[in-house]
Amino acid sequence: MADIQDVKVVPLTTHMDDRGYLTEIARSSEAPEPHGVVHKFGQVYLVGDMSKGTIREFHKHNLLWDWFFISHGSAKFVLKDDRDDSPTPRCWRRW
């Protein structure tokens, strides 16, 4: 599994104390760092499913900025670079 060009995984910081926790998921910003990554707002989804082993769907986007935050439980993601003009063609990553 190699890195895929133009894919960025942004680690989030969580602040915890006796009241609970706070995690900043995204912020609108002109700056590219440390995670000023939301330059244009589109949609927000909250998906819940209590069944273990549920596969949401395999699908393809030609151009997409996706933001995932798993608030409870876990998830697995697979991303494959099928761009013909990419310097990392056919590479894939699993998280």
Protein backbone atom coordinates (compact mmCIF):
# COMPACT_ATOMS: atom_id res chain seq x y z
CA MET A 1 0.00 0.00 0.00
CA ALA A 2 1.59 3.20 -1.16
CA ASP A 3 0.51 6.77 -0.57
CA ILE A 4 -1.86 8.13 -3.19
CA GLN A 5 -0.94 11.51 -4.62
CA ASP A 6 -3.31 14.35 -3.61
CA VAL A 7 -4.87 12.34 -0.73
CA LYS A 8 -4.46 13.95 2.66
CA VAL A 9 -5.33 12.41 6.01
CA VAL A 10 -5.62 15.08 8.69
CA PRO A 11 -5.15 13.92 12.29
CA LEU A 12 -7.57 15.53 14.73
CA THR A 13 -6.78 16.74 18.23
CA THR A 14 -9.10 15.84 21.09
CA HIS A 15 -9.15 17.82 24.34
CA MET A 16 -10.42 15.84 27.34
CA ASP A 17 -11.17 16.78 30.90
CA ASP A 18 -13.62 15.77 33.63
CA ARG A 19 -16.52 17.29 31.65
CA GLY A 20 -15.95 15.13 28.57
CA TYR A 21 -14.16 15.76 25.31
CA LEU A 22 -14.05 18.25 22.44
CA THR A 23 -12.75 17.47 18.97
CA GLU A 24 -12.65 20.10 16.25
CA ILE A 25 -13.63 18.21 13.10
CA ALA A 26 -13.21 20.98 10.51
CA ARG A 27 -12.98 24.73 10.28
CA SER A 28 -13.48 27.16 7.44
CA SER A 29 -10.17 28.78 6.64
CA GLU A 30 -8.18 30.37 3.86
CA ALA A 31 -4.97 28.87 5.28
CA PRO A 32 -3.96 25.39 4.17
CA GLU A 33 -2.51 24.30 7.55
CA PRO A 34 -2.75 22.86 10.13
CA HIS A 35 -6.21 21.73 8.99
CA GLY A 36 -7.81 24.76 7.42
CA VAL A 37 -9.31 22.47 4.86
CA VAL A 38 -12.94 23.47 4.49
CA HIS A 39 -12.75 26.09 1.75
CA LYS A 40 -16.24 25.48 0.41
CA PHE A 41 -19.20 24.10 2.33
CA GLY A 42 -21.47 21.53 0.77
CA GLN A 43 -23.27 18.98 2.97
CA VAL A 44 -22.98 17.24 6.32
CA TYR A 45 -24.24 13.70 6.94
CA LEU A 46 -24.73 11.79 10.16
CA VAL A 47 -25.14 8.08 9.46
CA GLY A 48 -26.07 5.57 12.12
CA ASP A 49 -26.38 1.83 11.95
CA MET A 50 -26.26 -0.44 14.95
CA SER A 51 -25.57 -3.59 12.88
CA LYS A 52 -22.02 -4.91 12.91
CA GLY A 53 -20.44 -5.65 9.55
CA THR A 54 -22.65 -3.31 7.52
CA ILE A 55 -21.16 -2.31 4.15
CA ARG A 56 -22.44 1.09 3.10
CA GLU A 57 -21.59 0.80 -0.58
CA PHE A 58 -18.71 0.80 -2.97
CA HIS A 59 -18.92 3.81 -5.24
CA LYS A 60 -16.76 6.19 -7.25
CA HIS A 61 -16.32 9.94 -7.42
CA ASN A 62 -14.24 11.68 -10.08
CA LEU A 63 -13.56 14.63 -7.78
CA LEU A 64 -14.64 14.81 -4.17
CA TRP A 65 -13.58 16.16 -0.81
CA ASP A 66 -14.91 13.77 1.83
CA TRP A 67 -14.78 14.30 5.58
CA PHE A 68 -15.25 11.31 7.86
CA PHE A 69 -15.51 11.43 11.64
CA ILE A 70 -16.50 8.25 13.47
CA SER A 71 -17.97 9.34 16.80
CA HIS A 72 -18.74 5.85 18.08
CA GLY A 73 -17.49 2.45 17.01
CA SER A 74 -15.18 1.96 14.05
CA ALA A 75 -15.12 2.01 10.28
CA LYS A 76 -12.85 0.76 7.50
CA PHE A 77 -12.17 2.71 4.33
CA VAL A 78 -10.50 1.71 1.06
CA LEU A 79 -9.39 4.24 -1.53
CA LYS A 80 -8.06 3.28 -4.97
CA ASP A 81 -6.39 5.63 -7.44
CA ASP A 82 -7.79 4.80 -10.88
CA ARG A 83 -6.79 8.07 -12.53
CA ASP A 84 -5.03 7.38 -15.84
CA ASP A 85 -2.86 10.50 -15.58
CA SER A 86 -1.89 9.98 -11.94
CA PRO A 87 1.70 9.44 -10.80
CA THR A 88 0.28 6.81 -8.40
CA PRO A 89 -2.04 4.79 -10.69
CA ARG A 90 -3.67 1.65 -9.28
CA CYS A 91 -2.29 2.39 -5.80
CA TRP A 92 -4.70 1.82 -2.95
CA ARG A 93 -4.90 2.63 0.74
CA ARG A 94 -6.87 1.03 3.53
CA TRP A 95 -7.65 2.72 6.83
